[in-house]
Amino acid sequence: MWVSLTGLYVGRVDSLRVLFDELRRSGYFVVGYRVVDGVLRLGELSSFDELAQGVEDVQGPGRYSLISGSFYRHGPDSPKKFLYPPYLTLFKVSSGWDVVVPVREVRRLAFFGLKPCDLASIKVLDRVLLGVDDYYESLRKNMVLIVENCTTPGNTCFCSTMNTGPRARDSFDLAYTRLGDKLVLEAGSVLGLKLLNVLEVEPIDDATYERFEATMRNASEKARAGFELNGLPEELELRIESKVYEKVTEKCLGCANCNMVCPTCFCFDVLDVPLIDGSAERVRVWDGCLNFTYGQVAGGHFRPDLWARYRHFVLHKFAYWVKQFGTFGCVGCGRCITWCPTGIDLRETVRSVLRGGKSG
């Protein structure tokens, strides 16, 4: 149950360890970012010490690296990896033609240190998958969301434009903000209040509150895309014949990396996989509209040109999703920009279309 709890409290940064241990003690599988092969990856953590610490991610169009630092944003993984996995067995068929539907463990997940853009991505997926996907729903109703507000957005972030950050406003259990050695905490649910009670906190003082507000304002100013949402779906549809998409995709590889790292893309394919012992399994795998085979059907191909597939990706995020689900499909995380091998910048594509294809 989400409740409106606007009180801010102050604790110590080392309270995060206490919070982590409390979640583990309560039987949750805690998921957070750790460093794997020089990249931040979301994974299950057995101890607080496994959580990524002392690093900063440097992101730009087509580039990503980790350096020493005190604050990081995210890696290629998002909560979708766990809630809507890239490979899910639907059922198996034995060599004797017996059909077996796997019994799935109902796990109690606690996401620890998610950024507000990823919190927003869960809210977007809720619009699409709740009441439709049983696996997603079983995990979603047993989930805890601990969010870390973004004090230093990265170079590919534009959550402020998308109204998804850098501060989480609702739909979390507990949100925290690092201010040096202080921690500003806010409960967003009854469970969040219970978790807050296990920490040593006190009501926020005026000086810390002013510092907190200033930090959030500065972060908000940095995380902008250079366009506004008001009227954006209509403006993009009016310019659907823009030549910008053809120009941009001159360097697009059609690899669908943007689809795979996007925290809200939900398209999938269903494959039958034969196994060496004579059995087989039917699996659901992620798919994306940039893949050539995505638009290939028995009667032909309804989107054979790469520029048309890229245009569909852009319009789905900023126009069609609004019509379908009443929300934008983009949360401004910037992953599609960072993890594009050729550095295509979604923000610049939108700006260029709105300018009528003119540079500047």
Protein backbone atom coordinates (compact mmCIF):
# COMPACT_ATOMS: atom_id res chain seq x y z
CA MET A 1 0.00 0.00 0.00
CA TRP A 2 1.42 3.38 -1.03
CA VAL A 3 0.74 6.24 1.35
CA SER A 4 1.43 9.95 1.26
CA LEU A 5 4.24 10.47 3.71
CA THR A 6 6.12 13.69 3.13
CA GLY A 7 8.21 13.84 6.28
CA LEU A 8 11.97 13.91 5.75
CA TYR A 9 14.43 12.46 8.23
CA VAL A 10 18.18 12.57 8.64
CA GLY A 11 20.44 9.66 9.47
CA ARG A 12 23.98 8.50 8.83
CA VAL A 13 25.22 6.95 5.60
CA ASP A 14 26.19 3.81 7.50
CA SER A 15 22.46 3.31 8.18
CA LEU A 16 22.30 1.78 4.71
CA ARG A 17 24.12 -1.29 6.00
CA VAL A 18 21.55 -1.65 8.78
CA LEU A 19 18.75 -1.29 6.23
CA PHE A 20 20.31 -3.90 3.94
CA ASP A 21 20.73 -6.39 6.78
CA GLU A 22 17.13 -5.83 7.91
CA LEU A 23 15.84 -6.69 4.44
CA ARG A 24 17.91 -9.86 4.35
CA ARG A 25 16.77 -10.80 7.85
CA SER A 26 13.16 -10.33 6.74
CA GLY A 27 13.61 -12.92 3.98
CA TYR A 28 14.03 -10.70 0.94
CA PHE A 29 16.38 -11.40 -1.93
CA VAL A 30 18.19 -8.09 -2.18
CA VAL A 31 19.07 -6.87 -5.68
CA GLY A 32 21.52 -4.03 -6.20
CA TYR A 33 24.42 -2.83 -8.31
CA ARG A 34 27.82 -4.45 -8.04
CA VAL A 35 30.91 -4.12 -10.22
CA VAL A 36 31.34 -6.98 -12.71
CA ASP A 37 34.13 -6.78 -15.30
CA GLY A 38 34.30 -3.00 -15.02
CA VAL A 39 30.56 -2.46 -15.42
CA LEU A 40 27.75 -1.90 -12.93
CA ARG A 41 25.44 -4.91 -13.08
CA LEU A 42 22.23 -5.58 -11.18
CA GLY A 43 22.39 -8.83 -9.24
CA GLU A 44 21.38 -10.54 -6.04
CA LEU A 45 23.59 -9.52 -3.13
CA SER A 46 24.30 -11.69 -0.11
CA SER A 47 26.01 -8.92 1.85
CA PHE A 48 26.19 -5.14 1.90
CA ASP A 49 29.90 -5.29 1.03
CA GLU A 50 29.03 -6.67 -2.42
CA LEU A 51 27.24 -3.41 -3.26
CA ALA A 52 29.20 -1.17 -5.63
CA GLN A 53 31.06 1.45 -3.59
CA GLY A 54 33.75 4.02 -4.30
CA VAL A 55 33.03 4.13 -8.04
CA GLU A 56 31.49 6.53 -10.53
CA ASP A 57 30.16 5.72 -14.00
CA VAL A 58 31.22 8.03 -16.80
CA GLN A 59 28.67 7.86 -19.60
CA GLY A 60 28.36 9.48 -22.99
CA PRO A 61 26.94 8.58 -26.42
CA GLY A 62 28.42 5.17 -27.18
CA ARG A 63 30.76 5.05 -24.19
CA TYR A 64 30.80 3.82 -20.62
CA SER A 65 33.53 3.45 -18.01
CA LEU A 66 33.98 3.29 -14.25
CA ILE A 67 36.37 5.50 -12.32
CA SER A 68 36.97 6.14 -8.63
CA GLY A 69 34.23 8.30 -7.19
CA SER A 70 31.44 8.56 -4.67
CA PHE A 71 28.25 8.42 -6.78
CA TYR A 72 27.07 6.28 -9.70
CA ARG A 73 23.95 6.17 -11.85
CA HIS A 74 23.37 2.72 -13.38
CA GLY A 75 24.63 0.11 -15.81
CA PRO A 76 22.93 -1.67 -18.72
CA ASP A 77 20.65 -3.67 -16.43
CA SER A 78 17.30 -2.43 -15.15
CA PRO A 79 14.61 -4.00 -12.93
CA LYS A 80 13.11 -5.47 -16.12
CA LYS A 81 15.90 -8.06 -16.06
CA PHE A 82 14.27 -9.64 -13.00
CA LEU A 83 10.60 -8.81 -13.44
CA TYR A 84 10.42 -9.61 -17.15
CA PRO A 85 13.49 -11.82 -17.77
CA PRO A 86 15.20 -12.05 -21.17
CA TYR A 87 14.73 -15.84 -21.28
CA LEU A 88 11.72 -17.48 -19.66
CA THR A 89 10.68 -21.12 -20.12
CA LEU A 90 6.93 -21.32 -20.70
CA PHE A 91 6.68 -25.11 -20.76
CA LYS A 92 8.67 -28.23 -21.61
CA VAL A 93 7.80 -31.27 -23.72
CA SER A 94 9.51 -34.54 -22.81
CA SER A 95 10.73 -37.09 -25.33
CA GLY A 96 7.56 -39.02 -24.48
CA TRP A 97 5.40 -35.98 -25.35
CA ASP A 98 4.50 -35.12 -21.77
CA VAL A 99 3.91 -31.40 -21.33
CA VAL A 100 5.36 -29.95 -18.12
CA VAL A 101 4.68 -26.39 -16.99
CA PRO A 102 7.44 -25.26 -14.62
CA VAL A 103 6.49 -24.41 -11.05
CA ARG A 104 7.88 -20.96 -10.37
CA GLU A 105 9.17 -19.90 -6.99
CA VAL A 106 7.42 -16.80 -5.73
CA ARG A 107 10.37 -14.70 -4.65
CA ARG A 108 10.36 -11.67 -2.42
CA LEU A 109 12.63 -9.19 -4.18
CA ALA A 110 13.98 -6.01 -2.63
CA PHE A 111 15.60 -3.59 -5.06
CA PHE A 112 18.23 -1.63 -3.18
CA GLY A 113 19.56 1.72 -4.39
CA LEU A 114 17.49 1.97 -7.58
CA LYS A 115 17.54 5.37 -9.23
CA PRO A 116 14.25 7.25 -9.76
CA CYS A 117 14.28 6.62 -13.51
CA ASP A 118 14.24 2.88 -12.88
CA LEU A 119 11.48 3.29 -10.32
CA ALA A 120 9.53 5.10 -13.04
CA SER A 121 10.23 2.26 -15.47
CA ILE A 122 8.49 -0.17 -13.12
CA LYS A 123 5.47 2.12 -13.01
CA VAL A 124 5.42 2.15 -16.83
CA LEU A 125 5.69 -1.66 -17.01
CA ASP A 126 2.83 -1.88 -14.50
CA ARG A 127 0.59 -0.17 -17.06
CA VAL A 128 1.51 -2.80 -19.64
CA LEU A 129 1.93 -6.05 -17.72
CA LEU A 130 -0.22 -6.03 -14.58
CA GLY A 131 -3.22 -8.24 -15.20
CA VAL A 132 -1.54 -9.67 -18.30
CA ASP A 133 1.71 -11.34 -17.23
CA ASP A 134 1.37 -13.72 -14.27
CA TYR A 135 5.12 -14.00 -13.71
CA TYR A 136 5.55 -10.24 -13.54
CA GLU A 137 2.56 -9.86 -11.26
CA SER A 138 3.73 -12.54 -8.80
CA LEU A 139 7.05 -10.75 -8.32
CA ARG A 140 5.59 -7.26 -8.32
CA LYS A 141 3.21 -7.81 -5.41
CA ASN A 142 6.00 -9.18 -3.19
CA MET A 143 8.54 -6.48 -3.98
CA VAL A 144 10.27 -3.78 -1.92
CA LEU A 145 11.63 -0.62 -3.58
CA ILE A 146 14.50 1.24 -1.91
CA VAL A 147 15.38 4.24 -4.09
CA GLU A 148 18.46 6.44 -4.11
CA ASN A 149 17.75 9.94 -5.37
CA CYS A 150 20.14 11.17 -8.03
CA THR A 151 22.31 14.04 -6.79
CA THR A 152 24.59 14.02 -9.85
CA PRO A 153 22.87 13.01 -13.11
CA GLY A 154 25.11 11.67 -15.87
CA ASN A 155 25.79 13.09 -19.30
CA THR A 156 23.14 10.93 -20.97
CA CYS A 157 20.46 11.40 -18.30
CA PHE A 158 17.30 13.40 -19.00
CA CYS A 159 14.95 12.25 -16.24
CA SER A 160 14.02 15.83 -15.35
CA THR A 161 12.50 16.38 -18.80
CA MET A 162 10.55 13.11 -18.51
CA ASN A 163 9.33 14.02 -14.99
CA THR A 164 10.83 10.81 -13.57
CA GLY A 165 13.64 12.25 -11.44
CA PRO A 166 16.12 13.12 -10.15
CA ARG A 167 13.99 12.86 -6.99
CA ALA A 168 11.48 10.05 -6.53
CA ARG A 169 8.07 11.43 -5.57
CA ASP A 170 5.90 8.35 -5.09
CA SER A 171 5.52 4.56 -5.49
CA PHE A 172 8.59 3.69 -3.41
CA ASP A 173 8.87 2.14 0.03
CA LEU A 174 11.89 4.13 1.16
CA ALA A 175 13.91 6.80 -0.63
CA TYR A 176 17.24 8.18 0.47
CA THR A 177 19.60 10.93 -0.65
CA ARG A 178 23.32 11.09 0.13
CA LEU A 179 24.52 14.48 1.33
CA GLY A 180 28.12 13.91 2.30
CA ASP A 181 28.11 11.84 5.50
CA LYS A 182 24.39 12.53 6.01
CA LEU A 183 21.47 10.57 4.67
CA VAL A 184 18.08 12.19 4.00
CA LEU A 185 15.33 9.56 4.17
CA GLU A 186 11.66 9.52 3.21
CA ALA A 187 9.12 6.74 3.71
CA GLY A 188 6.59 6.19 0.94
CA SER A 189 4.64 3.24 2.32
CA VAL A 190 3.65 1.57 5.58
CA LEU A 191 6.50 -0.90 5.05
CA GLY A 192 8.82 2.02 4.47
CA LEU A 193 7.82 3.47 7.83
CA LYS A 194 8.59 0.17 9.50
CA LEU A 195 12.01 0.09 7.87
CA LEU A 196 12.61 3.69 8.90
CA ASN A 197 11.93 2.72 12.51
CA VAL A 198 14.89 0.32 12.59
CA LEU A 199 17.27 3.16 11.74
CA GLU A 200 18.62 5.90 13.94
CA VAL A 201 17.05 8.99 12.41
CA GLU A 202 15.68 12.34 13.47
CA PRO A 203 13.47 14.93 11.74
CA ILE A 204 15.35 16.98 9.19
CA ASP A 205 16.71 20.34 10.35
CA ASP A 206 16.37 23.58 8.39
CA ALA A 207 19.98 23.72 7.20
CA THR A 208 19.97 20.15 5.91
CA TYR A 209 16.59 20.67 4.27
CA GLU A 210 17.83 23.75 2.39
CA ARG A 211 20.90 21.81 1.28
CA PHE A 212 18.72 18.91 0.16
CA GLU A 213 16.40 21.14 -1.87
CA ALA A 214 19.32 22.96 -3.49
CA THR A 215 20.95 19.66 -4.43
CA MET A 216 17.75 18.40 -6.03
CA ARG A 217 17.24 21.67 -7.95
CA ASN A 218 20.78 21.58 -9.33
CA ALA A 219 20.39 17.94 -10.33
CA SER A 220 17.09 18.70 -12.03
CA GLU A 221 18.63 21.47 -14.11
CA LYS A 222 21.36 19.13 -15.35
CA ALA A 223 19.07 16.25 -16.37
CA ARG A 224 17.27 17.97 -19.23
CA ALA A 225 16.93 16.88 -22.85
CA GLY A 226 16.44 20.20 -24.62
CA PHE A 227 12.79 19.62 -25.52
CA GLU A 228 9.50 19.81 -23.64
CA LEU A 229 6.81 17.16 -23.20
CA ASN A 230 3.85 19.47 -23.67
CA GLY A 231 2.46 18.72 -27.13
CA LEU A 232 5.41 16.46 -27.98
CA PRO A 233 3.40 13.42 -29.18
CA GLU A 234 1.37 15.56 -31.56
CA GLU A 235 4.42 17.45 -32.85
CA LEU A 236 6.31 14.22 -33.60
CA GLU A 237 3.35 12.67 -35.40
CA LEU A 238 2.89 15.79 -37.49
CA ARG A 239 6.53 15.34 -38.57
CA ILE A 240 6.27 11.59 -39.20
CA GLU A 241 7.68 12.04 -42.72
CA SER A 242 10.81 13.78 -41.42
CA LYS A 243 14.02 12.83 -43.23
CA VAL A 244 15.87 13.00 -39.91
CA TYR A 245 15.23 9.31 -39.30
CA GLU A 246 16.92 8.35 -42.56
CA LYS A 247 19.88 10.59 -41.77
CA VAL A 248 20.30 9.24 -38.24
CA THR A 249 20.17 5.61 -39.31
CA GLU A 250 23.02 6.08 -41.76
CA LYS A 251 25.18 5.05 -38.80
CA CYS A 252 22.67 2.69 -37.12
CA LEU A 253 23.69 -0.98 -37.08
CA GLY A 254 20.20 -2.31 -36.45
CA CYS A 255 21.63 -4.26 -33.51
CA ALA A 256 18.65 -3.49 -31.19
CA ASN A 257 20.97 -2.63 -28.29
CA CYS A 258 18.64 0.28 -27.56
CA ASN A 259 15.72 -2.13 -27.21
CA MET A 260 17.64 -4.56 -25.03
CA VAL A 261 18.87 -1.97 -22.49
CA CYS A 262 15.64 0.04 -22.45
CA PRO A 263 13.96 -0.51 -19.06
CA THR A 264 10.45 -0.33 -20.56
CA CYS A 265 10.65 -2.21 -23.88
CA PHE A 266 8.45 -5.28 -23.51
CA CYS A 267 8.34 -6.89 -26.96
CA PHE A 268 9.14 -10.59 -27.11
CA ASP A 269 9.37 -13.58 -29.40
CA VAL A 270 8.43 -17.19 -28.64
CA LEU A 271 10.85 -19.93 -29.68
CA ASP A 272 10.71 -23.72 -29.62
CA VAL A 273 14.10 -25.06 -28.59
CA PRO A 274 14.88 -28.77 -29.26
CA LEU A 275 17.24 -30.40 -26.76
CA ILE A 276 19.70 -33.21 -27.30
CA ASP A 277 17.78 -35.71 -25.14
CA GLY A 278 14.77 -35.55 -27.44
CA SER A 279 12.81 -33.11 -25.33
CA ALA A 280 12.06 -29.50 -26.17
CA GLU A 281 11.04 -26.30 -24.47
CA ARG A 282 9.04 -23.29 -25.51
CA VAL A 283 10.67 -20.07 -24.33
CA ARG A 284 9.88 -16.39 -24.32
CA VAL A 285 12.82 -14.17 -25.26
CA TRP A 286 13.24 -10.42 -25.56
CA ASP A 287 12.81 -8.97 -29.02
CA GLY A 288 13.02 -5.42 -30.31
CA CYS A 289 11.59 -3.29 -33.08
CA LEU A 290 15.09 -2.51 -34.43
CA ASN A 291 15.64 -6.19 -35.27
CA PHE A 292 15.06 -6.94 -38.95
CA THR A 293 13.01 -10.06 -38.18
CA TYR A 294 10.69 -8.15 -35.84
CA GLY A 295 8.60 -6.86 -38.75
CA GLN A 296 8.85 -10.02 -40.83
CA VAL A 297 5.58 -11.92 -41.17
CA ALA A 298 4.17 -14.63 -43.43
CA GLY A 299 2.86 -12.06 -45.88
CA GLY A 300 6.12 -10.14 -46.19
CA HIS A 301 7.82 -7.44 -44.14
CA PHE A 302 5.85 -4.44 -42.87
CA ARG A 303 8.93 -2.42 -41.85
CA PRO A 304 11.88 -3.51 -44.03
CA ASP A 305 13.77 -0.20 -43.89
CA LEU A 306 16.01 0.41 -40.89
CA TRP A 307 15.03 4.09 -40.71
CA ALA A 308 11.36 3.08 -40.41
CA ARG A 309 12.17 0.70 -37.57
CA TYR A 310 14.13 3.39 -35.74
CA ARG A 311 11.31 5.88 -36.31
CA HIS A 312 8.88 3.40 -34.81
CA PHE A 313 11.11 3.09 -31.72
CA VAL A 314 11.17 6.87 -31.25
CA LEU A 315 7.46 7.38 -31.87
CA HIS A 316 6.48 4.47 -29.67
CA LYS A 317 8.35 5.98 -26.72
CA PHE A 318 7.13 9.53 -27.19
CA ALA A 319 3.76 9.27 -28.95
CA TYR A 320 2.14 5.86 -29.37
CA TRP A 321 2.71 4.80 -25.76
CA VAL A 322 0.78 7.84 -24.58
CA LYS A 323 -2.19 6.76 -26.70
CA GLN A 324 -1.97 3.13 -25.60
CA PHE A 325 -1.18 3.44 -21.90
CA GLY A 326 -1.55 7.08 -20.94
CA THR A 327 2.13 7.57 -20.18
CA PHE A 328 5.39 8.12 -22.05
CA GLY A 329 7.39 4.99 -22.70
CA CYS A 330 10.70 6.75 -22.07
CA VAL A 331 11.93 7.47 -18.53
CA GLY A 332 15.03 9.46 -19.49
CA CYS A 333 17.58 6.96 -18.16
CA GLY A 334 19.82 7.49 -21.20
CA ARG A 335 20.78 3.84 -21.56
CA CYS A 336 19.90 3.73 -25.25
CA ILE A 337 22.37 6.59 -25.79
CA THR A 338 25.19 5.15 -23.69
CA TRP A 339 24.95 1.60 -25.03
CA CYS A 340 24.48 2.46 -28.70
CA PRO A 341 27.69 1.21 -30.42
CA THR A 342 27.69 4.20 -32.77
CA GLY A 343 26.61 6.81 -30.21
CA ILE A 344 23.19 7.73 -31.63
CA ASP A 345 21.64 10.22 -29.22
CA LEU A 346 17.87 9.89 -28.82
CA ARG A 347 17.66 13.42 -27.43
CA GLU A 348 19.27 14.89 -30.52
CA THR A 349 16.99 12.87 -32.79
CA VAL A 350 13.89 14.31 -31.12
CA ARG A 351 15.31 17.85 -31.13
CA SER A 352 16.26 17.57 -34.78
CA VAL A 353 12.81 16.33 -35.81
CA LEU A 354 11.19 19.21 -33.92
CA ARG A 355 13.54 21.69 -35.64
CA GLY A 356 12.48 20.36 -39.01
CA GLY A 357 15.77 18.55 -39.57
CA LYS A 358 17.92 21.64 -39.16
CA SER A 359 21.14 21.32 -37.18
CA GLY A 360 21.86 23.44 -34.14
